[in-house]
Each structure stands twice: as C-alpha cells, then as structure tokens.
Amino acid sequence: MSKGKTSDAEQDWGPFGRPLFDDPKARALSRVGVIDVGSNSVRLVIFDGAARSPAYFYNEKIMAGLGAGMAETGRLNPEGRVRALSAIRRFVALANSLGIPPLTAVATAAVREASDGPDFRAEVLRETGLKIWVIDGQEEARLSAQGVLLGWPGSYGLVCDIGGSSMELADLFEGRVGRRMTSALGPLKLREMSSKKARRAYIKETVADMFDKMGSNTGRRLFLVGGSWRAIARIDMERRGYPLTVLHEYRMTPNRIAKTLKYIEENDAQELRARCGISDSRMALVPYAVHVLREVVARFKPKDITVSSYGIREGMLYEQMPAELRERDPLIEACRFAEAKDARLPGFGRTLYHFVMPLFGRTSQARKRIIRAACLLHDVSWRAHPDYRHEVVFDNTTRANLGGLKHSERVFLGIALLHRYTNKRDGTRFEPLFGLLDPKEQRNAEVLGKAMRLGAMLWIKADEQPGTLKYSAKSNTLELVLKEAAGPLFGEVAQSRLVSLASSLEAEASVRVKGARRTNAG
C-alpha cells in the first residue's frame, strides 16, 4: 500500500465493508413484491430491499378470514374466499400499475389444508394470472425464522410464529435455521373447539409434544412473530404505560408476560381494543392466543421475549438476498443508504465519525456501531423546516422501520440527532421517552449530538478531516485542532458550538489552527 493511503477496509469502517446497495445483485432487490395468503389475513408488501434493512414501499392487508370455520367444513370460508380474491385482484392491479416485477405469492395453513384449496388457487390464476405457491408447515417455520434473521443477523433462540390456523417453532443458532415444527395451535382453529377444558388440554399436550421434539431447550430468547403476539405486546405496553409504541424489538420478561395475560383476562376486550388500536377481528383471537403463549412460556422458560415485526414475508426477501448482503449489519447498511440518497454531502458521515470518536475512545463495539449510524444520519433531514428539524430527526429515528436496533438504542440515537440541531432537549414532547435511558447515557447521547453539530460546521471535503478533537477527562480539557484549510470555517457559530460541547463534557475548551497560536474558546 502506498504511503499516505488507507486500505478499503479502513475507508469503509472495517467490519462493515464497502456499501452494497449499488451492487447489481442488491439493486435487483428494489421493488420486490410479495403476497402472503394466510388463514386470517391476505397481505401485499412491496419492499425496497436494496439496503440490508428494507423499506416498506407499500404495505396493505385485508382480514379475509379464509380459515374461519374450516374445522367444521374442511373448506375455505366462503365469504373469506370472496374477500381474499377481491384483495388479490387489487394487489395484482396495484403491482402492475407500479411496474413491479412479477409478484411472489405464498399460501399457508388454510389453503394448504382446505379441500377446495386447489380450486381457490386455480381461480386466482384464472382471474389474475398470479400463481400461488402453497408451502408446508416446515417451510413456513423456516421462512419466518429467516425473517427474524433479516433483523437480527447471527441471532440465536427460538422463533414462535402464530398464524390463524397454525403455530410454528424454529431453532436459530449462530444465524442459521435449525429444527422446525408446525402445529394446529392457530387461534382460528382453537376458537372452534366448543369445550374450554378440552381446548386447554389440547394446547398443553401439543406444546409439551413440541417441547420434547424440539430438544427441550430452555433459557433462550423467544422471538414472537405474528399478529396475535403483536396485539398482546401492544396490550403489555398499555398496561405498563410504555412510551415508545414500536413493536419491533419490544422486549418482555416471562414475569411481565404473566401479568399481561392475566390483565387481558380480567379486562373488557372491547375496551382494551379501543385503547390499544387493535382491530375487532384481531382482538377476537387474542383470548385464544393468550392460552397458547402462557403454555409456551411455561414450557420453554425463555430468558427473555422479543417481538419481531419481521416474519414470513421478510423471510421471502431474505431468501433472495445474496450471501454477502445477508451478512451485513442491517442498521449500518440502511443508514448508509439514507446518507447516499438524502445527505447534502454524501460520504461526510464517515469523516464525521472519525472526528467525534476521540470523545468515546473506550466505548464498546455496540456503542461505536450506534455512533456510526448517527454520523451517517446526521444530515439526511436537512429539508425539514429549521425550527422543527430536531423534532423530525427524533421522530424518524425512534419510529423508523430499522432492524438491529433495541428500543434503548433508538432513544440514544434519537437524542444524539436531536442535539445535532439544538442544544436543549428539556420541554420537548419527547421527554417521556428519555427515561428509557439512564442519565449517564442521555449525557453521552447529548455529547455525541453536540460533537456532530460542531463537526457539521467544518466541511472541507467529504473524505477530508477538518481537524481533530483532543479530550482529557482527567484534566477536564477539550481542544479542537484545525487544519490550516479549515481555519476560516471556524467562525462565531462554530465557536459557540464548541463551547456548548465543552459544557456538556464539563470541560474547558480551546481551539488551535495548525501553525497558529492556541486560543481559549470560552
């Protein structure tokens, strides 16, 4: 390597590698359309999957109830069949008008098991030209587990996906899908059992059998996939007064789950439905899902429980991803994509990262990852009104559809980006969310935001460092050393931002332009 040049790995932040979203294999994932024909709902999702953490270009569902009454008739629900066909017609027409490549459509338990399932598929093909692929329970479990991997690369634990007519389990170990099982524990089927006693006995017996066949593994993370689980999690948030109502990566403990299941049973279902924004059709299935979840938690004894909004549809997108893209960090790739698309000076985020890192020299790899994400996102909301940019970035960050981001990390990132645009956060409407971080972490996020706020004043070129920060906690000093070319950029506003950063660090600030005398910034 020639003197003065850095390697590609250093230029692209080491383990995160060179961005892939412009690679032809990744670009081929733009506008991927998927139709999921489930026992309870029919949904169209159009992904923009070029980045590792896909954006939902379009997302619509109809609660058709195809599997309602199947236990008695063995056939698809007639009304549900009409509604499902109407929805599929609409979805195909939408995809055609948007120029989406051929849709991929899959059907699960209801169409798989119904005697008129083949006839329904033939009708859909005849009416719309869309071929529906019926997948078995094992494949359903695998795709759902792959959906979890889309958000948590390299994860381990047990994936539990509940649909209308079935419930699947799948092992995850070191980012790979292992053993898989399917069962008839879907709430639509359970609702059709007339005896409560028989239903509870069936649930207990079925879960026990799944536990034995899955290898009796306990004490791992339980990933919950499916609308009924998300409804229970939303009620858990309501019970706790939890301020960030983002279901993806919402964490629960077995003890909290037990309290929430009891809370559901003791409260009026319609009142809960209204308070939590859950649909009538979904809420009607929650009481049956409650008994299943109670038994799964009691039998598998998970260390914690996490909600995944990613499931079978995301698993189908993951299936199409090249191996190199699968291995990427979903958060970093998504932030890189946002910077390339929306920032005024794409590429400066990497430079800014190196500028702020002296303030966080001993931080963990997990925190460095969040700092990287913040630097990539520091300028993507510049089009917002200046008076509201701090609110826009906090809202966007805490509620964005991003994988690989815990709720506490969302708030850390949100506070950092808020302080990229304003010095103070007191008195904002976001204060209830700040409590998800302890005061020390709130301060660290503030320091990061103010450091980015200062660095944003010192643009030279996207790939050229304007200078360096030197911070000593021992002597409580912060020095900004600027390159000669960056000296003219350090005006009154930059000076006030340096002083504000030093104040958050409880340090004394000074500034020096290389080749010139050091001056006090205060």
Protein backbone atom coordinates (compact mmCIF):
# COMPACT_ATOMS: atom_id res chain seq x y z
CA MET A 1 0.00 0.00 0.00
CA SER A 2 1.45 3.38 -0.93
CA LYS A 3 2.32 5.88 1.76
CA GLY A 4 -0.50 8.21 2.82
CA LYS A 5 -3.28 5.94 1.58
CA THR A 6 -5.58 3.85 3.71
CA SER A 7 -6.98 0.44 2.89
CA ASP A 8 -10.51 -0.10 1.61
CA ALA A 9 -11.41 -1.63 4.96
CA GLU A 10 -10.29 1.49 6.82
CA GLN A 11 -12.04 3.75 4.34
CA ASP A 12 -15.28 1.81 4.81
CA TRP A 13 -15.18 1.38 8.59
CA GLY A 14 -13.58 -2.02 8.86
CA PRO A 15 -16.05 -4.80 9.63
CA PHE A 16 -18.92 -3.06 7.83
CA GLY A 17 -17.17 -3.27 4.47
CA ARG A 18 -17.94 -1.32 1.32
CA PRO A 19 -21.62 -0.35 0.86
CA LEU A 20 -23.50 -2.85 -1.26
CA PHE A 21 -26.71 -1.07 -2.21
CA ASP A 22 -25.31 -0.04 -5.60
CA ASP A 23 -24.17 -3.57 -6.40
CA PRO A 24 -26.31 -5.05 -9.23
CA LYS A 25 -27.28 -8.01 -7.02
CA ALA A 26 -28.57 -5.64 -4.37
CA ARG A 27 -30.25 -3.29 -6.82
CA ALA A 28 -32.17 -6.28 -8.17
CA LEU A 29 -33.98 -6.35 -4.81
CA SER A 30 -35.53 -2.93 -5.38
CA ARG A 31 -39.31 -3.14 -5.51
CA VAL A 32 -39.74 -6.80 -4.60
CA GLY A 33 -43.45 -7.63 -4.25
CA VAL A 34 -44.79 -10.41 -2.00
CA ILE A 35 -48.35 -11.59 -1.36
CA ASP A 36 -48.94 -13.67 1.76
CA VAL A 37 -52.27 -15.56 1.75
CA GLY A 38 -52.74 -16.52 5.39
CA SER A 39 -55.56 -18.15 7.31
CA ASN A 40 -56.65 -14.84 8.77
CA SER A 41 -55.24 -12.12 6.52
CA VAL A 42 -54.11 -11.52 2.95
CA ARG A 43 -51.29 -9.00 2.64
CA LEU A 44 -49.28 -7.32 -0.10
CA VAL A 45 -45.83 -5.98 0.77
CA ILE A 46 -43.59 -4.25 -1.73
CA PHE A 47 -40.06 -3.96 -0.39
CA ASP A 48 -37.25 -1.70 -1.41
CA GLY A 49 -34.70 -4.30 -0.42
CA ALA A 50 -31.55 -2.85 -1.97
CA ALA A 51 -30.30 -1.91 1.51
CA ARG A 52 -29.83 -4.62 4.13
CA SER A 53 -32.71 -3.20 6.21
CA PRO A 54 -35.53 -2.95 3.67
CA ALA A 55 -38.01 -0.12 3.39
CA TYR A 56 -41.71 -0.88 3.01
CA PHE A 57 -42.53 0.81 -0.27
CA TYR A 58 -46.12 -0.45 0.02
CA ASN A 59 -47.91 -2.46 2.71
CA GLU A 60 -51.62 -3.37 2.76
CA LYS A 61 -53.64 -6.18 4.30
CA ILE A 62 -57.21 -7.44 4.32
CA MET A 63 -58.51 -9.52 7.22
CA ALA A 64 -60.25 -12.04 4.96
CA GLY A 65 -60.61 -14.89 7.47
CA LEU A 66 -60.09 -17.65 4.89
CA GLY A 67 -59.61 -20.24 7.61
CA ALA A 68 -62.69 -19.38 9.70
CA GLY A 69 -64.98 -22.41 10.16
CA MET A 70 -62.61 -24.87 8.48
CA ALA A 71 -62.64 -27.21 11.46
CA GLU A 72 -66.30 -27.96 10.76
CA THR A 73 -66.46 -27.78 6.96
CA GLY A 74 -62.95 -28.63 5.81
CA ARG A 75 -63.35 -25.86 3.24
CA LEU A 76 -62.28 -22.24 2.97
CA ASN A 77 -64.71 -19.76 4.43
CA PRO A 78 -66.99 -18.71 1.51
CA GLU A 79 -67.11 -15.04 2.50
CA GLY A 80 -63.39 -15.08 3.23
CA ARG A 81 -62.72 -16.60 -0.16
CA VAL A 82 -64.61 -13.79 -1.93
CA ARG A 83 -62.78 -11.15 0.11
CA ALA A 84 -59.39 -12.78 -0.46
CA LEU A 85 -59.91 -12.99 -4.22
CA SER A 86 -61.01 -9.35 -4.33
CA ALA A 87 -57.92 -8.31 -2.36
CA ILE A 88 -55.60 -10.29 -4.64
CA ARG A 89 -57.17 -8.70 -7.71
CA ARG A 90 -56.47 -5.29 -6.22
CA PHE A 91 -52.91 -6.20 -5.22
CA VAL A 92 -52.05 -7.52 -8.68
CA ALA A 93 -53.51 -4.40 -10.33
CA LEU A 94 -51.52 -2.16 -7.95
CA ALA A 95 -48.29 -4.03 -8.65
CA ASN A 96 -48.86 -3.78 -12.40
CA SER A 97 -49.55 -0.04 -12.23
CA LEU A 98 -46.38 0.49 -10.17
CA GLY A 99 -44.26 -1.51 -12.60
CA ILE A 100 -43.34 -4.10 -10.00
CA PRO A 101 -41.60 -7.24 -11.31
CA PRO A 102 -43.63 -10.46 -11.06
CA LEU A 103 -45.12 -10.91 -7.60
CA THR A 104 -44.27 -13.88 -5.42
CA ALA A 105 -47.34 -15.30 -3.68
CA VAL A 106 -47.44 -17.95 -0.96
CA ALA A 107 -50.30 -19.53 0.94
CA THR A 108 -50.09 -21.19 4.34
CA ALA A 109 -52.25 -23.41 6.54
CA ALA A 110 -55.79 -22.56 5.39
CA VAL A 111 -55.20 -23.03 1.65
CA ARG A 112 -52.85 -25.92 2.37
CA GLU A 113 -55.45 -27.88 4.33
CA ALA A 114 -58.77 -26.91 2.75
CA SER A 115 -60.35 -29.38 0.35
CA ASP A 116 -61.12 -26.51 -2.02
CA GLY A 117 -57.64 -25.00 -1.70
CA PRO A 118 -56.57 -26.16 -5.19
CA ASP A 119 -59.79 -24.77 -6.64
CA PHE A 120 -59.14 -21.39 -4.99
CA ARG A 121 -55.60 -21.28 -6.37
CA ALA A 122 -56.91 -22.14 -9.84
CA GLU A 123 -59.49 -19.36 -9.59
CA VAL A 124 -56.82 -16.83 -8.58
CA LEU A 125 -54.62 -17.91 -11.50
CA ARG A 126 -57.54 -17.69 -13.92
CA GLU A 127 -58.73 -14.29 -12.68
CA THR A 128 -55.39 -12.54 -12.09
CA GLY A 129 -52.62 -14.59 -13.72
CA LEU A 130 -50.97 -14.97 -10.29
CA LYS A 131 -49.66 -18.39 -9.28
CA ILE A 132 -49.90 -19.08 -5.55
CA TRP A 133 -47.30 -21.39 -4.05
CA VAL A 134 -48.53 -23.46 -1.13
CA ILE A 135 -45.86 -24.02 1.50
CA ASP A 136 -45.94 -26.68 4.20
CA GLY A 137 -45.53 -26.01 7.91
CA GLN A 138 -41.81 -26.77 7.90
CA GLU A 139 -41.20 -24.24 5.14
CA GLU A 140 -43.43 -21.70 6.85
CA ALA A 141 -41.32 -22.06 10.00
CA ARG A 142 -38.09 -21.68 8.01
CA LEU A 143 -39.22 -18.53 6.22
CA SER A 144 -40.47 -16.94 9.44
CA ALA A 145 -37.13 -17.67 11.10
CA GLN A 146 -35.34 -16.14 8.12
CA GLY A 147 -37.49 -13.05 8.60
CA VAL A 148 -36.12 -12.81 12.14
CA LEU A 149 -32.59 -13.13 10.74
CA LEU A 150 -33.30 -10.16 8.49
CA GLY A 151 -33.48 -8.02 11.62
CA TRP A 152 -31.05 -9.91 13.85
CA PRO A 153 -28.13 -11.37 11.85
CA GLY A 154 -26.31 -14.07 13.77
CA SER A 155 -29.08 -14.38 16.34
CA TYR A 156 -29.91 -17.42 18.44
CA GLY A 157 -33.05 -18.57 20.20
CA LEU A 158 -36.49 -19.95 19.41
CA VAL A 159 -38.83 -18.40 16.83
CA CYS A 160 -42.54 -18.85 17.53
CA ASP A 161 -44.79 -17.77 14.65
CA ILE A 162 -48.54 -17.84 15.20
CA GLY A 163 -50.97 -17.50 12.30
CA GLY A 164 -54.70 -18.00 12.11
CA SER A 165 -54.66 -21.80 11.71
CA SER A 166 -51.19 -22.87 12.81
CA MET A 167 -48.24 -22.14 15.06
CA GLU A 168 -44.65 -22.88 14.06
CA LEU A 169 -41.43 -23.18 16.03
CA ALA A 170 -37.92 -22.89 14.62
CA ASP A 171 -34.48 -23.00 16.21
CA LEU A 172 -31.96 -20.26 15.48
CA PHE A 173 -28.30 -20.85 16.22
CA GLU A 174 -25.45 -18.62 15.04
CA GLY A 175 -27.61 -17.08 12.37
CA ARG A 176 -28.85 -20.37 10.91
CA VAL A 177 -32.26 -22.01 10.98
CA GLY A 178 -32.24 -25.44 12.61
CA ARG A 179 -35.05 -27.73 13.73
CA ARG A 180 -38.59 -26.75 12.79
CA MET A 181 -42.07 -27.86 13.80
CA THR A 182 -45.63 -26.94 12.96
CA SER A 183 -48.86 -27.40 14.90
CA ALA A 184 -52.58 -26.64 14.69
CA LEU A 185 -52.41 -24.09 17.54
CA GLY A 186 -53.73 -21.18 15.49
CA PRO A 187 -56.43 -19.17 17.29
CA LEU A 188 -58.95 -19.58 14.44
CA LYS A 189 -58.86 -23.33 14.97
CA LEU A 190 -58.82 -23.10 18.75
CA ARG A 191 -61.87 -20.85 18.71
CA GLU A 192 -63.87 -23.60 17.03
CA MET A 193 -63.34 -26.05 19.89
CA SER A 194 -66.53 -25.92 21.92
CA SER A 195 -65.12 -27.00 25.29
CA LYS A 196 -62.74 -24.68 27.17
CA LYS A 197 -61.42 -27.62 29.15
CA ALA A 198 -60.72 -29.64 26.02
CA ARG A 199 -59.08 -26.63 24.35
CA ARG A 200 -56.70 -26.01 27.25
CA ALA A 201 -55.83 -29.68 27.47
CA TYR A 202 -55.11 -29.76 23.73
CA ILE A 203 -52.87 -26.69 23.98
CA LYS A 204 -50.95 -28.17 26.91
CA GLU A 205 -50.50 -31.54 25.23
CA THR A 206 -49.44 -30.03 21.88
CA VAL A 207 -46.89 -27.63 23.38
CA ALA A 208 -45.46 -30.44 25.53
CA ASP A 209 -45.04 -32.59 22.41
CA MET A 210 -43.33 -29.72 20.57
CA PHE A 211 -41.06 -29.14 23.55
CA ASP A 212 -39.96 -32.79 23.57
CA LYS A 213 -39.34 -32.88 19.81
CA MET A 214 -37.50 -29.55 19.70
CA GLY A 215 -34.87 -30.91 22.06
CA SER A 216 -36.17 -29.50 25.33
CA ASN A 217 -34.02 -26.38 25.02
CA THR A 218 -34.81 -23.77 27.68
CA GLY A 219 -33.43 -20.44 28.83
CA ARG A 220 -33.03 -18.89 25.39
CA ARG A 221 -34.53 -15.84 23.73
CA LEU A 222 -38.06 -16.32 22.40
CA PHE A 223 -38.85 -14.39 19.21
CA LEU A 224 -42.58 -13.81 18.74
CA VAL A 225 -43.83 -13.47 15.15
CA GLY A 226 -47.46 -12.94 14.18
CA GLY A 227 -50.36 -10.55 14.59
CA SER A 228 -51.82 -12.14 17.72
CA TRP A 229 -48.47 -11.90 19.50
CA ARG A 230 -48.09 -8.27 18.44
CA ALA A 231 -51.56 -7.50 19.80
CA ILE A 232 -50.58 -8.99 23.18
CA ALA A 233 -47.36 -6.95 23.16
CA ARG A 234 -49.34 -3.78 22.42
CA ILE A 235 -51.55 -4.51 25.42
CA ASP A 236 -48.42 -5.07 27.52
CA MET A 237 -47.27 -1.58 26.52
CA GLU A 238 -50.65 -0.15 27.51
CA ARG A 239 -50.60 -1.92 30.88
CA ARG A 240 -47.11 -0.60 31.66
CA GLY A 241 -47.60 2.90 30.24
CA TYR A 242 -44.64 2.25 27.97
CA PRO A 243 -43.89 5.42 25.98
CA LEU A 244 -42.41 4.05 22.73
CA THR A 245 -45.12 2.11 20.93
CA VAL A 246 -42.83 0.49 18.37
CA LEU A 247 -43.49 -3.24 18.41
CA HIS A 248 -40.36 -4.41 16.60
CA GLU A 249 -37.66 -5.37 19.15
CA TYR A 250 -40.01 -4.71 22.06
CA ARG A 251 -38.69 -6.76 24.98
CA MET A 252 -40.71 -8.56 27.65
CA THR A 253 -39.87 -10.90 30.51
CA PRO A 254 -41.76 -14.08 31.44
CA ASN A 255 -42.95 -12.36 34.61
CA ARG A 256 -44.31 -9.37 32.69
CA ILE A 257 -45.97 -11.66 30.18
CA ALA A 258 -47.73 -13.48 33.01
CA LYS A 259 -49.05 -10.17 34.37
CA THR A 260 -50.25 -9.05 30.95
CA LEU A 261 -52.02 -12.32 30.17
CA LYS A 262 -53.85 -12.01 33.49
CA TYR A 263 -54.59 -8.34 32.71
CA ILE A 264 -56.17 -9.34 29.37
CA GLU A 265 -58.37 -11.93 31.03
CA GLU A 266 -59.52 -9.51 33.74
CA ASN A 267 -60.37 -6.55 31.48
CA ASP A 268 -63.07 -5.90 28.92
CA ALA A 269 -61.81 -6.93 25.48
CA GLN A 270 -63.54 -4.12 23.59
CA GLU A 271 -62.20 -1.50 25.97
CA LEU A 272 -58.69 -2.87 25.56
CA ARG A 273 -59.13 -2.99 21.80
CA ALA A 274 -60.12 0.68 21.65
CA ARG A 275 -57.30 1.83 23.92
CA CYS A 276 -54.64 -0.13 22.04
CA GLY A 277 -55.82 0.43 18.48
CA ILE A 278 -56.33 -3.27 17.74
CA SER A 279 -58.85 -4.33 15.10
CA ASP A 280 -62.04 -6.19 16.07
CA SER A 281 -61.05 -9.28 14.09
CA ARG A 282 -57.60 -9.42 15.69
CA MET A 283 -58.88 -8.80 19.20
CA ALA A 284 -61.36 -11.65 18.83
CA LEU A 285 -58.42 -14.07 18.53
CA VAL A 286 -56.34 -12.70 21.40
CA PRO A 287 -58.06 -14.70 24.20
CA TYR A 288 -57.13 -17.95 22.44
CA ALA A 289 -53.57 -16.82 21.74
CA VAL A 290 -53.22 -15.94 25.44
CA HIS A 291 -53.55 -19.59 26.48
CA VAL A 292 -51.02 -20.69 23.86
CA LEU A 293 -48.43 -18.11 24.90
CA ARG A 294 -48.86 -18.91 28.57
CA GLU A 295 -48.11 -22.57 27.85
CA VAL A 296 -45.16 -21.85 25.53
CA VAL A 297 -43.53 -19.58 28.12
CA ALA A 298 -44.18 -22.06 30.95
CA ARG A 299 -42.73 -24.96 28.98
CA PHE A 300 -39.74 -23.36 27.21
CA LYS A 301 -38.84 -20.95 30.05
CA PRO A 302 -37.22 -18.26 27.84
CA LYS A 303 -34.70 -15.86 29.38
CA ASP A 304 -36.49 -13.01 27.60
CA ILE A 305 -39.11 -12.46 24.94
CA THR A 306 -38.76 -10.21 21.90
CA VAL A 307 -41.35 -9.16 19.36
CA SER A 308 -40.34 -9.39 15.70
CA SER A 309 -42.38 -7.49 13.14
CA TYR A 310 -40.39 -9.41 10.55
CA GLY A 311 -41.76 -12.80 9.58
CA ILE A 312 -42.60 -14.90 6.56
CA ARG A 313 -42.75 -12.01 4.06
CA GLU A 314 -39.38 -10.66 5.18
CA GLY A 315 -38.09 -14.22 5.12
CA MET A 316 -39.00 -14.41 1.45
CA LEU A 317 -36.97 -11.26 0.79
CA TYR A 318 -34.06 -12.67 2.82
CA GLU A 319 -34.25 -15.77 0.62
CA GLN A 320 -33.46 -13.62 -2.42
CA MET A 321 -30.55 -11.74 -0.83
CA PRO A 322 -27.01 -12.68 -1.87
CA ALA A 323 -24.95 -14.14 0.98
CA GLU A 324 -22.73 -11.07 1.16
CA LEU A 325 -25.73 -8.82 1.77
CA ARG A 326 -27.25 -11.18 4.35
CA GLU A 327 -24.09 -10.90 6.45
CA ARG A 328 -24.21 -7.11 6.61
CA ASP A 329 -25.39 -5.08 9.59
CA PRO A 330 -28.97 -4.00 8.76
CA LEU A 331 -28.69 -0.75 10.72
CA ILE A 332 -25.45 0.44 9.15
CA GLU A 333 -26.46 -0.52 5.61
CA ALA A 334 -29.80 1.29 5.97
CA CYS A 335 -28.09 4.41 7.33
CA ARG A 336 -25.56 4.36 4.51
CA PHE A 337 -28.40 4.09 2.03
CA ALA A 338 -30.17 7.07 3.64
CA GLU A 339 -26.98 9.16 3.55
CA ALA A 340 -26.31 8.36 -0.10
CA LYS A 341 -29.90 9.25 -1.02
CA ASP A 342 -30.61 12.29 1.16
CA ALA A 343 -27.50 13.93 2.63
CA ARG A 344 -26.09 17.14 1.14
CA LEU A 345 -22.54 15.81 1.26
CA PRO A 346 -22.71 12.00 0.96
CA GLY A 347 -19.65 10.37 2.47
CA PHE A 348 -19.08 13.01 5.14
CA GLY A 349 -20.68 10.75 7.76
CA ARG A 350 -17.59 8.56 7.76
CA THR A 351 -15.35 11.61 8.18
CA LEU A 352 -17.58 12.91 10.96
CA TYR A 353 -17.35 9.54 12.74
CA HIS A 354 -13.55 9.80 12.94
CA PHE A 355 -13.90 13.43 14.10
CA VAL A 356 -16.15 12.60 17.10
CA MET A 357 -14.58 9.30 18.17
CA PRO A 358 -11.83 10.82 20.40
CA LEU A 359 -14.66 11.68 22.81
CA PHE A 360 -15.62 7.98 23.05
CA GLY A 361 -12.26 6.22 22.96
CA ARG A 362 -13.07 3.42 25.40
CA THR A 363 -16.63 2.76 24.39
CA SER A 364 -17.94 -0.68 23.42
CA GLN A 365 -18.25 -2.01 19.88
CA ALA A 366 -22.03 -1.91 20.27
CA ARG A 367 -21.87 1.81 21.09
CA LYS A 368 -19.41 2.52 18.26
CA ARG A 369 -22.00 0.99 15.93
CA ILE A 370 -24.66 3.46 17.12
CA ILE A 371 -22.20 6.36 16.78
CA ARG A 372 -21.54 5.27 13.19
CA ALA A 373 -25.26 5.20 12.49
CA ALA A 374 -25.74 8.68 13.98
CA CYS A 375 -22.93 10.16 11.88
CA LEU A 376 -24.40 8.65 8.72
CA LEU A 377 -27.83 10.10 9.54
CA HIS A 378 -26.63 13.50 10.78
CA ASP A 379 -27.69 15.39 7.64
CA VAL A 380 -30.44 13.34 6.00
CA SER A 381 -33.26 15.58 7.35
CA TRP A 382 -31.89 18.94 6.18
CA ARG A 383 -35.01 19.57 4.06
CA ALA A 384 -37.18 19.86 7.18
CA HIS A 385 -38.04 23.33 8.47
CA PRO A 386 -35.11 24.60 10.62
CA ASP A 387 -37.41 25.19 13.60
CA TYR A 388 -38.53 21.55 13.58
CA ARG A 389 -35.52 19.58 12.40
CA HIS A 390 -34.75 18.36 15.93
CA GLU A 391 -38.29 17.01 16.24
CA VAL A 392 -38.25 15.44 12.78
CA VAL A 393 -34.99 13.57 13.38
CA PHE A 394 -36.09 12.29 16.79
CA ASP A 395 -39.43 11.08 15.43
CA ASN A 396 -37.84 9.49 12.37
CA THR A 397 -35.16 7.71 14.35
CA THR A 398 -37.23 6.35 17.20
CA ARG A 399 -40.04 5.16 14.94
CA ALA A 400 -38.17 4.17 11.79
CA ASN A 401 -38.55 0.69 10.41
CA LEU A 402 -34.98 -0.38 11.17
CA GLY A 403 -33.66 -3.80 12.07
CA GLY A 404 -30.95 -4.49 14.61
CA LEU A 405 -31.90 -1.61 16.91
CA LYS A 406 -33.09 -2.04 20.51
CA HIS A 407 -35.54 0.48 21.94
CA SER A 408 -32.89 1.99 24.21
CA GLU A 409 -30.62 2.36 21.18
CA ARG A 410 -33.41 4.06 19.25
CA VAL A 411 -33.73 6.65 22.01
CA PHE A 412 -29.94 7.11 22.26
CA LEU A 413 -29.77 7.68 18.51
CA GLY A 414 -32.80 9.98 18.68
CA ILE A 415 -31.30 12.18 21.43
CA ALA A 416 -27.96 12.37 19.61
CA LEU A 417 -29.61 13.51 16.37
CA LEU A 418 -31.90 15.89 18.26
CA HIS A 419 -28.79 17.59 19.68
CA ARG A 420 -27.31 17.71 16.19
CA TYR A 421 -29.86 20.50 15.63
CA THR A 422 -30.47 22.04 19.06
CA ASN A 423 -28.63 22.47 22.34
CA LYS A 424 -31.53 21.73 24.67
CA ARG A 425 -34.00 18.88 24.93
CA ASP A 426 -35.92 19.90 28.07
CA GLY A 427 -39.52 20.83 27.48
CA THR A 428 -39.94 18.82 24.29
CA ARG A 429 -42.82 16.41 23.77
CA PHE A 430 -40.28 13.57 23.75
CA GLU A 431 -39.41 13.75 27.45
CA PRO A 432 -41.38 10.60 28.40
CA LEU A 433 -39.10 8.59 26.10
CA PHE A 434 -35.88 9.90 27.61
CA GLY A 435 -36.50 7.73 30.67
CA LEU A 436 -35.67 4.63 28.61
CA LEU A 437 -32.02 5.72 29.07
CA ASP A 438 -30.28 6.39 32.37
CA PRO A 439 -28.92 9.94 32.93
CA LYS A 440 -25.35 8.93 32.02
CA GLU A 441 -26.46 7.53 28.66
CA GLN A 442 -28.58 10.61 27.99
CA ARG A 443 -25.46 12.72 28.57
CA ASN A 444 -23.39 10.55 26.24
CA ALA A 445 -26.02 10.93 23.52
CA GLU A 446 -26.04 14.69 24.09
CA VAL A 447 -22.24 14.83 23.77
CA LEU A 448 -22.39 12.88 20.51
CA GLY A 449 -25.09 15.18 19.13
CA LYS A 450 -23.21 18.35 20.03
CA ALA A 451 -19.97 16.95 18.59
CA MET A 452 -21.79 16.25 15.31
CA ARG A 453 -23.31 19.75 15.49
CA LEU A 454 -19.80 21.19 15.70
CA GLY A 455 -18.35 18.90 13.04
CA ALA A 456 -21.12 19.85 10.62
CA MET A 457 -19.75 23.42 10.61
CA LEU A 458 -16.35 22.24 9.36
CA TRP A 459 -16.98 20.72 5.95
CA ILE A 460 -13.95 20.76 3.67
CA LYS A 461 -14.50 17.71 1.50
CA ALA A 462 -16.49 14.57 2.19
CA ASP A 463 -13.37 12.47 2.69
CA GLU A 464 -11.05 15.06 4.29
CA GLN A 465 -10.77 15.55 8.04
CA PRO A 466 -11.08 19.23 9.04
CA GLY A 467 -9.20 18.64 12.25
CA THR A 468 -9.19 16.64 15.45
CA LEU A 469 -10.74 16.80 18.90
CA LYS A 470 -8.49 16.16 21.90
CA TYR A 471 -10.33 15.46 25.14
CA SER A 472 -8.95 14.71 28.59
CA ALA A 473 -11.43 13.74 31.29
CA LYS A 474 -8.60 13.84 33.82
CA SER A 475 -7.73 17.48 33.19
CA ASN A 476 -11.22 18.47 32.01
CA THR A 477 -9.93 19.97 28.78
CA LEU A 478 -11.25 19.86 25.23
CA GLU A 479 -9.07 21.12 22.40
CA LEU A 480 -10.07 21.49 18.77
CA VAL A 481 -7.05 21.35 16.47
CA LEU A 482 -7.95 22.51 12.95
CA LYS A 483 -6.09 22.07 9.71
CA GLU A 484 -4.99 25.33 8.18
CA ALA A 485 -7.53 24.90 5.37
CA ALA A 486 -10.34 24.60 7.92
CA GLY A 487 -9.32 27.67 9.90
CA PRO A 488 -11.59 30.11 8.02
CA LEU A 489 -14.57 27.82 8.73
CA PHE A 490 -14.28 28.38 12.48
CA GLY A 491 -16.48 31.43 12.97
CA GLU A 492 -18.73 32.64 15.78
CA VAL A 493 -21.33 29.89 15.36
CA ALA A 494 -18.71 27.14 15.38
CA GLN A 495 -17.15 28.69 18.46
CA SER A 496 -20.48 28.69 20.33
CA ARG A 497 -20.99 25.06 19.38
CA LEU A 498 -17.55 24.13 20.69
CA VAL A 499 -18.33 25.89 23.98
CA SER A 500 -21.66 24.07 24.22
CA LEU A 501 -19.96 20.70 23.65
CA ALA A 502 -17.34 21.52 26.28
CA SER A 503 -20.12 22.47 28.72
CA SER A 504 -21.75 19.04 28.30
CA LEU A 505 -18.36 17.44 28.99
CA GLU A 506 -17.77 19.82 31.94
CA ALA A 507 -14.50 20.75 30.29
CA GLU A 508 -12.63 23.92 29.34
CA ALA A 509 -12.47 24.43 25.58
CA SER A 510 -9.68 25.79 23.41
CA VAL A 511 -9.05 25.91 19.69
CA ARG A 512 -5.86 25.91 17.65
CA VAL A 513 -5.27 26.15 13.93
CA LYS A 514 -2.14 24.29 12.92
CA GLY A 515 0.65 26.80 12.53
CA ALA A 516 -1.15 29.36 14.73
CA ARG A 517 -1.36 30.08 18.46
CA ARG A 518 -3.88 28.25 20.72
CA THR A 519 -6.82 30.40 21.87
CA ASN A 520 -9.41 29.90 24.58
CA ALA A 521 -12.85 29.23 23.09
CA GLY A 522 -14.83 30.48 26.06
